[in-house]
C-alpha atoms as a PDB file:
ATOM      1  CA  UNK A   1      -0.112   0.021  -0.018  1.00  0.00           C
ATOM      2  CA  UNK A   2       2.637   2.695   0.611  1.00  0.00           C
ATOM      3  CA  UNK A   3       4.477   1.710  -2.429  1.00  0.00           C
ATOM      4  CA  UNK A   4       1.423   2.637  -4.503  1.00  0.00           C
ATOM      5  CA  UNK A   5       1.287   6.153  -2.656  1.00  0.00           C
ATOM      6  CA  UNK A   6       4.882   6.965  -3.266  1.00  0.00           C
ATOM      7  CA  UNK A   7       4.471   5.626  -7.257  1.00  0.00           C
ATOM      8  CA  UNK A   8       1.245   8.373  -7.197  1.00  0.00           C
ATOM      9  CA  UNK A   9       3.664  11.197  -5.626  1.00  0.00           C
ATOM     10  CA  UNK A  10       6.141  10.539  -8.362  1.00  0.00           C
ATOM     11  CA  UNK A  11       3.475  10.740 -11.159  1.00  0.00           C
ATOM     12  CA  UNK A  12       2.596  14.208  -9.392  1.00  0.00           C
ATOM     13  CA  UNK A  13       6.040  15.461  -9.740  1.00  0.00           C
ATOM     14  CA  UNK A  14       6.985  13.977 -12.862  1.00  0.00           C
ATOM     15  CA  UNK A  15       3.752  15.624 -14.554  1.00  0.00           C
ATOM     16  CA  UNK A  16       4.618  18.917 -13.366  1.00  0.00           C
ATOM     17  CA  UNK A  17       3.489  21.571 -16.211  1.00  0.00           C
ATOM     18  CA  UNK A  18       6.086  24.172 -15.743  1.00  0.00           C
ATOM     19  CA  UNK A  19       4.080  26.600 -17.865  1.00  0.00           C
ATOM     20  CA  UNK A  20       4.414  30.334 -17.020  1.00  0.00           C
ATOM     21  CA  UNK A  21       2.578  32.769 -18.853  1.00  0.00           C
ATOM     22  CA  UNK A  22       4.723  35.990 -17.913  1.00  0.00           C
ATOM     23  CA  UNK A  23       2.839  38.581 -19.676  1.00  0.00           C
ATOM     24  CA  UNK A  24       4.702  41.509 -18.922  1.00  0.00           C
ATOM     25  CA  UNK A  25       2.324  44.478 -20.751  1.00  0.00           C
ATOM     26  CA  UNK A  26       2.883  47.561 -19.090  1.00  0.00           C
ATOM     27  CA  UNK A  27       0.402  49.940 -20.747  1.00  0.00           C
ATOM     28  CA  UNK A  28       2.325  53.232 -19.471  1.00  0.00           C
ATOM     29  CA  UNK A  29       0.173  56.152 -20.720  1.00  0.00           C
ATOM     30  CA  UNK A  30       2.356  58.885 -19.846  1.00  0.00           C
ATOM     31  CA  UNK A  31      -0.247  61.674 -20.759  1.00  0.00           C
ATOM     32  CA  UNK A  32       0.299  64.850 -18.852  1.00  0.00           C
ATOM     33  CA  UNK A  33      -2.416  67.606 -19.700  1.00  0.00           C
ATOM     34  CA  UNK A  34      -0.608  70.182 -18.145  1.00  0.00           C
ATOM     35  CA  UNK A  35      -2.824  73.248 -18.984  1.00  0.00           C
ATOM     36  CA  UNK A  36      -0.470  76.027 -17.289  1.00  0.00           C
ATOM     37  CA  UNK A  37      -3.177  78.822 -17.809  1.00  0.00           C
ATOM     38  CA  UNK A  38      -2.596  81.386 -14.874  1.00  0.00           C
ATOM     39  CA  UNK A  39      -5.024  84.228 -15.675  1.00  0.00           C
ATOM     40  CA  UNK A  40      -3.397  87.051 -13.336  1.00  0.00           C
ATOM     41  CA  UNK A  41      -5.287  90.209 -13.491  1.00  0.00           C
ATOM     42  CA  UNK A  42      -3.121  92.594 -11.414  1.00  0.00           C
ATOM     43  CA  UNK A  43      -5.915  95.519 -11.654  1.00  0.00           C
ATOM     44  CA  UNK A  44      -5.372  97.919  -9.002  1.00  0.00           C
ATOM     45  CA  UNK A  45      -7.967 100.721  -9.065  1.00  0.00           C
ATOM     46  CA  UNK A  46      -6.152 102.952  -6.631  1.00  0.00           C
ATOM     47  CA  UNK A  47      -8.362 105.861  -6.873  1.00  0.00           C
ATOM     48  CA  UNK A  48      -5.757 108.345  -4.894  1.00  0.00           C
ATOM     49  CA  UNK A  49      -8.358 111.243  -5.098  1.00  0.00           C
ATOM     50  CA  UNK A  50      -7.930 113.674  -2.247  1.00  0.00           C
ATOM     51  CA  UNK A  51     -10.500 116.254  -2.220  1.00  0.00           C
ATOM     52  CA  UNK A  52      -8.833 119.078  -0.749  1.00  0.00           C
ATOM     53  CA  UNK A  53     -10.645 122.538  -0.090  1.00  0.00           C
ATOM     54  CA  UNK A  54      -9.606 125.370  -2.763  1.00  0.00           C
ATOM     55  CA  UNK A  55      -8.423 127.235   0.098  1.00  0.00           C
ATOM     56  CA  UNK A  56      -5.387 124.637   0.837  1.00  0.00           C
ATOM     57  CA  UNK A  57      -4.501 123.906  -2.675  1.00  0.00           C
ATOM     58  CA  UNK A  58      -4.576 127.221  -3.994  1.00  0.00           C
ATOM     59  CA  UNK A  59      -3.833 129.675  -1.433  1.00  0.00           C
ATOM     60  CA  UNK A  60      -4.290 132.758  -3.706  1.00  0.00           C
ATOM     61  CA  UNK A  61      -7.257 134.296  -1.882  1.00  0.00           C
ATOM     62  CA  UNK A  62      -5.187 137.209  -0.004  1.00  0.00           C
ATOM     63  CA  UNK A  63      -7.474 139.433   1.276  1.00  0.00           C
END
């Protein structure tokens, strides 16, 4: 009986199918859509309007 088990084990080792299907397919899609659009609206509305009285700006009214 033990001999039959050993013969069975031998059949398994002999019938080893060493088939390695190594599919090394690397689909490296290196698509970089770098939309470098910088809308830098540097609009400075500096209303530097000083409403000074005429007596200060034009001190020509000498009485």
